[in-house]
């Protein structure tokens, strides 16, 4: 007889991560990375002595 779950596996019941981030922390991290990239695109050549 076929299984009642239809072959679906519920992974979130099997594994729980020890590292948890709040959504606000991820948004702040993304904003910091974007600001750093913009800064390096604008001033990176002068800071690193390239070109």
C-alpha atoms as a PDB file:
ATOM      1  CA  UNK A   1       0.000   0.000   0.000  1.00  0.00           C
ATOM      2  CA  UNK A   2       1.260   3.532  -0.738  1.00  0.00           C
ATOM      3  CA  UNK A   3       2.289   5.850   2.052  1.00  0.00           C
ATOM      4  CA  UNK A   4      -0.209   8.406   3.328  1.00  0.00           C
ATOM      5  CA  UNK A   5       2.319  11.252   2.881  1.00  0.00           C
ATOM      6  CA  UNK A   6       2.550  10.778  -0.888  1.00  0.00           C
ATOM      7  CA  UNK A   7       6.350  10.544  -0.759  1.00  0.00           C
ATOM      8  CA  UNK A   8       6.800  13.982   0.789  1.00  0.00           C
ATOM      9  CA  UNK A   9       9.500  14.404   3.405  1.00  0.00           C
ATOM     10  CA  UNK A  10       9.247  17.066   6.076  1.00  0.00           C
ATOM     11  CA  UNK A  11      12.872  18.121   6.574  1.00  0.00           C
ATOM     12  CA  UNK A  12      12.156  20.846   9.119  1.00  0.00           C
ATOM     13  CA  UNK A  13      11.054  18.176  11.588  1.00  0.00           C
ATOM     14  CA  UNK A  14      14.334  16.308  11.239  1.00  0.00           C
ATOM     15  CA  UNK A  15      16.945  19.065  11.492  1.00  0.00           C
ATOM     16  CA  UNK A  16      17.217  22.149  13.648  1.00  0.00           C
ATOM     17  CA  UNK A  17      20.075  24.572  13.167  1.00  0.00           C
ATOM     18  CA  UNK A  18      22.040  25.836  16.158  1.00  0.00           C
ATOM     19  CA  UNK A  19      22.622  29.173  14.411  1.00  0.00           C
ATOM     20  CA  UNK A  20      19.580  31.410  14.087  1.00  0.00           C
ATOM     21  CA  UNK A  21      19.406  34.901  12.611  1.00  0.00           C
ATOM     22  CA  UNK A  22      16.614  37.401  12.955  1.00  0.00           C
ATOM     23  CA  UNK A  23      15.319  38.877   9.672  1.00  0.00           C
ATOM     24  CA  UNK A  24      16.408  42.355  10.774  1.00  0.00           C
ATOM     25  CA  UNK A  25      20.009  41.196  11.172  1.00  0.00           C
ATOM     26  CA  UNK A  26      20.039  39.823   7.614  1.00  0.00           C
ATOM     27  CA  UNK A  27      18.698  43.105   6.226  1.00  0.00           C
ATOM     28  CA  UNK A  28      21.350  45.097   8.120  1.00  0.00           C
ATOM     29  CA  UNK A  29      24.092  42.741   6.920  1.00  0.00           C
ATOM     30  CA  UNK A  30      22.952  43.141   3.305  1.00  0.00           C
ATOM     31  CA  UNK A  31      22.899  46.928   3.662  1.00  0.00           C
ATOM     32  CA  UNK A  32      26.428  46.926   5.114  1.00  0.00           C
ATOM     33  CA  UNK A  33      27.711  44.771   2.248  1.00  0.00           C
ATOM     34  CA  UNK A  34      26.068  47.057  -0.329  1.00  0.00           C
ATOM     35  CA  UNK A  35      27.606  50.170   1.273  1.00  0.00           C
ATOM     36  CA  UNK A  36      31.036  48.513   1.373  1.00  0.00           C
ATOM     37  CA  UNK A  37      30.778  47.541  -2.303  1.00  0.00           C
ATOM     38  CA  UNK A  38      29.750  51.055  -3.323  1.00  0.00           C
ATOM     39  CA  UNK A  39      32.633  52.509  -1.316  1.00  0.00           C
ATOM     40  CA  UNK A  40      35.151  50.118  -2.886  1.00  0.00           C
ATOM     41  CA  UNK A  41      33.838  50.783  -6.401  1.00  0.00           C
ATOM     42  CA  UNK A  42      34.222  54.522  -5.819  1.00  0.00           C
ATOM     43  CA  UNK A  43      37.497  54.657  -3.857  1.00  0.00           C
ATOM     44  CA  UNK A  44      39.032  51.167  -4.031  1.00  0.00           C
ATOM     45  CA  UNK A  45      41.557  51.969  -6.746  1.00  0.00           C
ATOM     46  CA  UNK A  46      42.995  54.856  -4.747  1.00  0.00           C
ATOM     47  CA  UNK A  47      43.031  52.953  -1.464  1.00  0.00           C
ATOM     48  CA  UNK A  48      44.670  49.843  -2.905  1.00  0.00           C
ATOM     49  CA  UNK A  49      47.058  51.807  -5.160  1.00  0.00           C
ATOM     50  CA  UNK A  50      45.796  50.245  -8.386  1.00  0.00           C
ATOM     51  CA  UNK A  51      45.694  52.353 -11.538  1.00  0.00           C
END
